[in-house]
Amino acid sequence: MNLTNLGDVDLIKGEIILTNHLKRNGNNIANRIKKSINLEIKKTLGIETDIKDVWVNSLSPGVGLCLWAVSNTGAIISTGTILGEKKLSSEKLGHIAAKEMSKYIQNEIPVDNYLSDQLIPLMAYVKAPSSIKVLEITNHTRTNLELTKRFTNKEYKIEKMRNFYKIHL
């Protein structure tokens, strides 16, 4: 298993989940988030976006968003869900999500932070040496590396590069 090449990304998709409590503002919140994401992604990556807004029932007001991209190699990277906060503007929320996605694409990272720890056990049971390229080593990834080492007696190596890491197992 070698997941070290992101490939080309030509579209970033996303969903903005808004609770119906926020409808009094119309689509203003969603549009401000989308505009912020589009400006940042266009400026840093020059890639098109397709972001939908989804309104849901909830007991309390709130907003969350997730961006993802599929490359021509089949890699799927995601920001995970980024939650709005009371004192966080819509523009800032969009900016945070766009920056997170940009880090993956600019550094050609094919395995996002939410997938890396889940791949470790699979890598351990592949007979041939395996490698993945990640943006950072999360606590979950570090834990799964140690657990996998104990269960399989297979050693791992974390290689620190300039802006990313390679995990070899």
Protein backbone atom coordinates (compact mmCIF):
# COMPACT_ATOMS: atom_id res chain seq x y z
CA MET A 1 0.00 0.00 0.00
CA ASN A 2 1.65 3.19 -1.16
CA LEU A 3 -0.40 6.35 -0.84
CA THR A 4 2.20 9.04 -1.44
CA ASN A 5 0.94 10.77 -4.59
CA LEU A 6 -2.10 13.07 -4.51
CA GLY A 7 -2.32 13.69 -8.24
CA ASP A 8 -4.31 16.54 -9.77
CA VAL A 9 -7.39 18.12 -8.22
CA ASP A 10 -9.65 20.23 -10.42
CA LEU A 11 -12.72 20.63 -8.19
CA ILE A 12 -13.30 21.08 -4.48
CA LYS A 13 -16.73 20.12 -3.22
CA GLY A 14 -18.33 20.94 0.07
CA GLU A 15 -21.40 21.19 2.24
CA ILE A 16 -22.40 23.88 4.64
CA ILE A 17 -24.87 22.51 7.20
CA LEU A 18 -27.03 25.20 8.79
CA THR A 19 -29.75 24.80 11.36
CA ASN A 20 -33.19 26.20 10.52
CA HIS A 21 -32.79 28.61 13.48
CA LEU A 22 -30.51 30.65 11.22
CA LYS A 23 -33.05 31.02 8.39
CA ARG A 24 -34.07 34.45 9.66
CA ASN A 25 -30.82 35.61 8.05
CA GLY A 26 -31.85 34.04 4.76
CA ASN A 27 -28.98 32.56 2.82
CA ASN A 28 -26.68 35.34 3.95
CA ILE A 29 -24.60 33.12 6.26
CA ALA A 30 -24.15 30.36 3.67
CA ASN A 31 -23.39 32.85 0.91
CA ARG A 32 -20.79 34.65 3.02
CA ILE A 33 -19.08 31.35 3.86
CA LYS A 34 -19.11 30.26 0.20
CA LYS A 35 -17.74 33.60 -0.97
CA SER A 36 -14.90 33.41 1.55
CA ILE A 37 -14.02 29.85 0.53
CA ASN A 38 -14.17 30.68 -3.18
CA LEU A 39 -11.93 33.75 -2.80
CA GLU A 40 -9.28 31.84 -0.83
CA ILE A 41 -9.32 28.72 -3.04
CA LYS A 42 -9.16 30.78 -6.25
CA LYS A 43 -6.31 32.89 -4.86
CA THR A 44 -4.18 30.04 -3.53
CA LEU A 45 -5.04 27.13 -5.83
CA GLY A 46 -6.97 28.43 -8.85
CA ILE A 47 -9.44 25.55 -8.49
CA GLU A 48 -13.21 25.62 -8.97
CA THR A 49 -15.54 24.88 -6.05
CA ASP A 50 -19.00 23.36 -5.78
CA ILE A 51 -20.39 24.00 -2.31
CA LYS A 52 -23.97 23.23 -1.34
CA ASP A 53 -25.87 24.49 1.66
CA VAL A 54 -28.11 22.11 3.56
CA TRP A 55 -30.70 23.27 6.10
CA VAL A 56 -31.52 20.94 8.98
CA ASN A 57 -33.72 20.85 12.08
CA SER A 58 -31.88 21.02 15.38
CA LEU A 59 -32.52 21.80 19.02
CA SER A 60 -29.94 24.58 18.94
CA PRO A 61 -28.61 26.97 16.28
CA GLY A 62 -25.34 26.28 14.54
CA VAL A 63 -23.34 25.83 11.37
CA GLY A 64 -20.70 23.39 10.24
CA LEU A 65 -18.94 22.81 6.98
CA CYS A 66 -16.80 20.23 5.28
CA LEU A 67 -14.73 20.46 2.11
CA TRP A 68 -13.41 17.51 0.12
CA ALA A 69 -11.63 16.85 -3.14
CA VAL A 70 -11.11 13.80 -5.35
CA SER A 71 -7.88 13.67 -7.34
CA ASN A 72 -7.24 11.97 -10.66
CA THR A 73 -5.43 9.19 -8.73
CA GLY A 74 -8.61 8.46 -6.75
CA ALA A 75 -7.34 10.01 -3.52
CA ILE A 76 -10.08 11.70 -1.50
CA ILE A 77 -9.01 14.35 0.99
CA SER A 78 -11.26 16.15 3.46
CA THR A 79 -11.11 18.95 5.98
CA GLY A 80 -13.45 17.06 8.27
CA THR A 81 -16.27 19.05 9.82
CA ILE A 82 -15.37 22.56 10.88
CA LEU A 83 -17.89 24.03 13.31
CA GLY A 84 -18.96 27.63 13.54
CA GLU A 85 -18.67 29.42 16.85
CA LYS A 86 -20.56 32.36 18.27
CA LYS A 87 -17.72 34.87 17.87
CA LEU A 88 -16.42 33.42 14.58
CA SER A 89 -17.61 35.29 11.50
CA SER A 90 -18.93 33.45 8.46
CA GLU A 91 -16.00 34.81 6.45
CA LYS A 92 -13.46 33.54 8.97
CA LEU A 93 -15.11 30.09 9.06
CA GLY A 94 -14.87 29.85 5.27
CA HIS A 95 -11.27 31.07 5.37
CA ILE A 96 -10.30 28.40 7.94
CA ALA A 97 -11.82 25.61 5.82
CA ALA A 98 -10.21 26.87 2.60
CA LYS A 99 -6.78 27.16 4.26
CA GLU A 100 -7.07 23.60 5.60
CA MET A 101 -7.90 22.22 2.15
CA SER A 102 -5.16 24.31 0.55
CA LYS A 103 -2.54 22.80 2.88
CA TYR A 104 -3.37 19.30 1.62
CA ILE A 105 -3.33 20.24 -2.05
CA GLN A 106 -0.28 22.54 -1.97
CA ASN A 107 1.74 19.84 -0.19
CA GLU A 108 0.32 17.07 -2.41
CA ILE A 109 -1.03 15.09 0.56
CA PRO A 110 -3.18 12.09 -0.49
CA VAL A 111 -4.14 10.96 3.04
CA ASP A 112 -5.99 13.41 5.27
CA ASN A 113 -5.70 13.56 9.05
CA TYR A 114 -8.97 11.68 9.51
CA LEU A 115 -7.90 8.69 7.42
CA SER A 116 -4.26 8.20 8.38
CA ASP A 117 -4.88 6.42 11.69
CA GLN A 118 -7.41 4.09 10.08
CA LEU A 119 -4.94 2.95 7.43
CA ILE A 120 -2.25 1.89 9.92
CA PRO A 121 -3.79 -1.53 10.80
CA LEU A 122 -4.32 -2.28 7.10
CA MET A 123 -0.73 -1.35 6.30
CA ALA A 124 0.48 -3.73 9.00
CA TYR A 125 -1.17 -6.73 7.38
CA VAL A 126 0.12 -6.07 3.89
CA LYS A 127 3.19 -8.26 3.37
CA ALA A 128 5.14 -5.75 1.27
CA PRO A 129 6.40 -2.51 2.82
CA SER A 130 3.77 0.26 2.84
CA SER A 131 4.00 4.06 2.92
CA ILE A 132 1.56 6.93 3.31
CA LYS A 133 2.13 10.66 3.06
CA VAL A 134 0.33 12.81 5.66
CA LEU A 135 0.22 16.45 6.63
CA GLU A 136 0.72 15.75 10.32
CA ILE A 137 1.01 12.89 12.76
CA THR A 138 -2.15 12.99 14.85
CA ASN A 139 -2.44 11.48 18.31
CA HIS A 140 -4.75 8.82 16.84
CA THR A 141 -2.15 7.94 14.22
CA ARG A 142 0.64 7.72 16.80
CA THR A 143 -1.55 5.52 19.03
CA ASN A 144 -2.46 3.18 16.15
CA LEU A 145 1.19 2.91 15.13
CA GLU A 146 2.14 1.82 18.66
CA LEU A 147 -0.79 -0.58 18.99
CA THR A 148 -0.10 -2.09 15.59
CA LYS A 149 3.56 -2.54 16.51
CA ARG A 150 2.57 -4.43 19.67
CA PHE A 151 0.03 -6.66 17.92
CA THR A 152 2.08 -7.44 14.81
CA ASN A 153 5.71 -6.91 15.89
CA LYS A 154 6.08 -4.87 12.73
CA GLU A 155 8.29 -1.78 13.09
CA TYR A 156 7.31 1.61 11.69
CA LYS A 157 9.28 4.67 10.70
CA ILE A 158 8.07 8.27 10.58
CA GLU A 159 10.04 10.38 8.15
CA LYS A 160 9.76 14.17 8.64
CA MET A 161 9.93 16.07 5.39
CA ARG A 162 9.70 19.83 4.93
CA ASN A 163 5.91 20.27 5.13
CA PHE A 164 4.68 16.72 5.65
CA TYR A 165 5.47 13.28 7.00
CA LYS A 166 5.87 9.86 5.45
CA ILE A 167 4.89 6.84 7.50
CA HIS A 168 6.58 3.57 6.53
CA LEU A 169 5.41 0.24 7.89
